[in-house]
Amino acid sequence: MDGIKIGHFLRELRNTKGLTQEQLAEILGVSNRSVSRWENGNNLPDLSLLIEIAEYFEGGIDELLDGERKKSTVDQKQEEMLQKVSAYNNLEKEMFSKKMCWMFILAFAGIVLYAVIDTLGLSWVQPYESIVNMALGFASGTLLTGFLYSSRYIFKLKAIKARLFHKMK
């Protein structure tokens, strides 16, 4: 799979419909910057977006992934299977987002607990000192985890992990 070839094909499809990047982005519910990155081959759309793009441009997902029009498209069963995989992927992302939301709520509660204990002047008295340290540690760890998972660096970390795993085999 060639990201640049896919990007050029997406640009070609967009141009045949006479759309700007901004218009396509609005149709798909993404930023025009995302569309630009796809067309330059820097990023690829999510699987759920690939299905939407294929439907919008009246083509198959296999055409998008190959970066060219084909005479025969994916049959209906394969298309349904891909839609189920996409729905599963979206459900998985939604569940992860909910977990991260709860972690942030707990981290915020830890910060509030610290603030209350510190305001009362008890942060240096046992057992409150241990509670404050635990609350701040949890809050810091949660914020760091949230930063990593919400940034683009997580993809780099996953790639490094995959390479290390591959080397260990």
Protein backbone atom coordinates (compact mmCIF):
# COMPACT_ATOMS: atom_id res chain seq x y z
CA MET A 1 0.00 0.00 0.00
CA ASP A 2 1.42 3.33 -1.07
CA GLY A 3 0.23 6.37 0.93
CA ILE A 4 1.33 8.83 -1.75
CA LYS A 5 -0.50 6.92 -4.47
CA ILE A 6 -3.63 6.78 -2.30
CA GLY A 7 -3.32 10.51 -1.67
CA HIS A 8 -3.03 11.34 -5.37
CA PHE A 9 -6.05 9.15 -6.06
CA LEU A 10 -8.07 10.94 -3.36
CA ARG A 11 -7.10 14.30 -4.88
CA GLU A 12 -8.12 13.04 -8.31
CA LEU A 13 -11.51 11.86 -6.98
CA ARG A 14 -12.07 15.18 -5.21
CA ASN A 15 -11.18 17.16 -8.31
CA THR A 16 -13.51 15.11 -10.53
CA LYS A 17 -16.40 16.13 -8.25
CA GLY A 18 -15.20 19.74 -8.37
CA LEU A 19 -14.72 19.97 -4.62
CA THR A 20 -12.19 21.92 -2.61
CA GLN A 21 -10.40 20.32 0.31
CA GLU A 22 -12.55 22.40 2.64
CA GLN A 23 -15.77 21.18 1.03
CA LEU A 24 -14.72 17.52 1.20
CA ALA A 25 -13.62 17.99 4.81
CA GLU A 26 -17.03 19.44 5.67
CA ILE A 27 -18.80 16.51 4.00
CA LEU A 28 -16.68 13.98 5.92
CA GLY A 29 -16.71 15.90 9.20
CA VAL A 30 -12.95 16.38 9.41
CA SER A 31 -10.62 19.36 9.09
CA ASN A 32 -9.34 20.52 5.71
CA ARG A 33 -5.87 19.97 7.16
CA SER A 34 -6.67 16.25 7.46
CA VAL A 35 -7.72 16.11 3.82
CA SER A 36 -4.52 17.89 2.84
CA ARG A 37 -2.43 15.40 4.81
CA TRP A 38 -4.21 12.48 3.15
CA GLU A 39 -3.67 13.93 -0.31
CA ASN A 40 0.02 14.54 0.37
CA GLY A 41 0.43 10.97 1.62
CA ASN A 42 1.45 12.08 5.11
CA ASN A 43 -1.54 10.40 6.82
CA LEU A 44 -4.28 7.99 5.86
CA PRO A 45 -7.96 8.24 6.78
CA ASP A 46 -9.42 5.94 9.43
CA LEU A 47 -11.19 2.81 8.25
CA SER A 48 -14.61 4.30 9.01
CA LEU A 49 -13.73 7.32 6.88
CA LEU A 50 -12.46 5.09 4.07
CA ILE A 51 -15.91 3.53 3.91
CA GLU A 52 -17.57 6.97 3.81
CA ILE A 53 -15.13 8.17 1.14
CA ALA A 54 -15.70 5.05 -0.98
CA GLU A 55 -19.48 5.49 -0.74
CA TYR A 56 -19.30 9.19 -1.53
CA PHE A 57 -17.13 8.68 -4.61
CA GLU A 58 -19.12 5.58 -5.60
CA GLY A 59 -16.18 3.24 -5.54
CA GLY A 60 -14.82 0.38 -3.54
CA ILE A 61 -12.52 0.42 -0.57
CA ASP A 62 -10.11 -1.75 -2.51
CA GLU A 63 -9.86 1.02 -5.12
CA LEU A 64 -8.99 3.56 -2.44
CA LEU A 65 -6.38 1.29 -0.90
CA ASP A 66 -4.85 0.53 -4.29
CA GLY A 67 -5.02 4.16 -5.37
CA GLU A 68 -6.71 3.47 -8.71
CA ARG A 69 -10.07 2.68 -10.27
CA LYS A 70 -10.81 -0.94 -11.01
CA LYS A 71 -13.33 -2.57 -13.26
CA SER A 72 -14.79 -4.78 -10.55
CA THR A 73 -15.44 -3.52 -7.05
CA VAL A 74 -15.61 -5.32 -3.72
CA ASP A 75 -18.63 -7.56 -3.49
CA GLN A 76 -21.44 -6.81 -1.05
CA LYS A 77 -20.35 -9.35 1.61
CA GLN A 78 -16.84 -7.94 1.80
CA GLU A 79 -18.23 -4.42 2.00
CA GLU A 80 -20.54 -5.44 4.88
CA MET A 81 -17.66 -7.13 6.66
CA LEU A 82 -15.55 -3.99 6.36
CA GLN A 83 -18.42 -1.91 7.72
CA LYS A 84 -18.67 -4.26 10.72
CA VAL A 85 -14.92 -3.97 11.30
CA SER A 86 -15.21 -0.21 11.09
CA ALA A 87 -18.12 -0.18 13.57
CA TYR A 88 -16.08 -2.36 15.91
CA ASN A 89 -13.10 -0.02 15.58
CA ASN A 90 -15.31 2.98 16.38
CA LEU A 91 -16.82 1.18 19.39
CA GLU A 92 -13.34 0.35 20.65
CA LYS A 93 -12.28 4.01 20.33
CA GLU A 94 -15.46 5.14 22.10
CA MET A 95 -14.85 2.75 25.01
CA PHE A 96 -11.27 3.96 25.32
CA SER A 97 -12.43 7.57 25.30
CA LYS A 98 -14.89 6.84 28.11
CA LYS A 99 -12.14 5.21 30.18
CA MET A 100 -9.84 8.19 29.64
CA CYS A 101 -12.69 10.55 30.59
CA TRP A 102 -13.18 8.73 33.90
CA MET A 103 -9.44 8.79 34.54
CA PHE A 104 -9.39 12.56 34.01
CA ILE A 105 -12.34 12.99 36.36
CA LEU A 106 -10.49 10.99 39.02
CA ALA A 107 -7.32 12.99 38.40
CA PHE A 108 -9.27 16.22 38.83
CA ALA A 109 -10.72 14.83 42.07
CA GLY A 110 -7.17 14.08 43.22
CA ILE A 111 -6.11 17.65 42.52
CA VAL A 112 -9.15 18.99 44.39
CA LEU A 113 -8.36 16.68 47.33
CA TYR A 114 -4.79 17.98 47.36
CA ALA A 115 -5.99 21.58 47.25
CA VAL A 116 -8.38 21.05 50.15
CA ILE A 117 -5.80 19.32 52.34
CA ASP A 118 -3.15 21.89 51.49
CA THR A 119 -5.53 24.79 52.16
CA LEU A 120 -6.28 23.33 55.59
CA GLY A 121 -2.52 23.18 56.25
CA LEU A 122 -2.54 19.42 56.75
CA SER A 123 -0.36 18.43 53.80
CA TRP A 124 2.66 17.82 56.05
CA VAL A 125 0.79 15.83 58.70
CA GLN A 126 0.48 12.04 58.53
CA PRO A 127 -1.70 10.37 57.15
CA TYR A 128 -2.65 13.39 54.99
CA GLU A 129 0.86 13.65 53.56
CA SER A 130 0.52 10.13 52.11
CA ILE A 131 -2.93 10.94 50.73
CA VAL A 132 -1.62 14.13 49.09
CA ASN A 133 1.36 12.33 47.56
CA MET A 134 -0.87 9.54 46.23
CA ALA A 135 -3.41 12.03 44.80
CA LEU A 136 -0.71 14.11 43.08
CA GLY A 137 1.02 11.00 41.73
CA PHE A 138 -2.22 9.67 40.28
CA ALA A 139 -3.13 13.05 38.80
CA SER A 140 0.34 13.48 37.25
CA GLY A 141 0.34 9.95 35.81
CA THR A 142 -3.13 10.38 34.38
CA LEU A 143 -2.28 13.68 32.75
CA LEU A 144 0.90 12.23 31.24
CA THR A 145 -1.00 9.20 29.94
CA GLY A 146 -3.70 11.45 28.51
CA PHE A 147 -1.11 13.63 26.82
CA LEU A 148 0.59 10.63 25.22
CA TYR A 149 -2.65 9.06 24.00
CA SER A 150 -4.08 12.31 22.68
CA SER A 151 -0.95 13.35 20.84
CA ARG A 152 0.62 12.11 17.66
CA TYR A 153 3.54 10.69 19.63
CA ILE A 154 1.54 7.61 20.56
CA PHE A 155 1.79 6.44 16.95
CA LYS A 156 5.56 6.75 17.12
CA LEU A 157 5.61 4.82 20.40
CA LYS A 158 3.42 2.09 18.89
CA ALA A 159 5.76 1.84 15.90
CA ILE A 160 8.78 1.51 18.17
CA LYS A 161 6.98 -1.13 20.21
CA ALA A 162 6.09 -3.06 17.05
CA ARG A 163 9.72 -2.94 15.82
CA LEU A 164 11.02 -4.13 19.17
CA PHE A 165 8.47 -6.93 19.25
CA HIS A 166 9.40 -7.92 15.70
CA LYS A 167 13.12 -8.01 16.60
CA MET A 168 12.40 -10.23 19.60
CA LYS A 169 10.77 -12.88 17.38
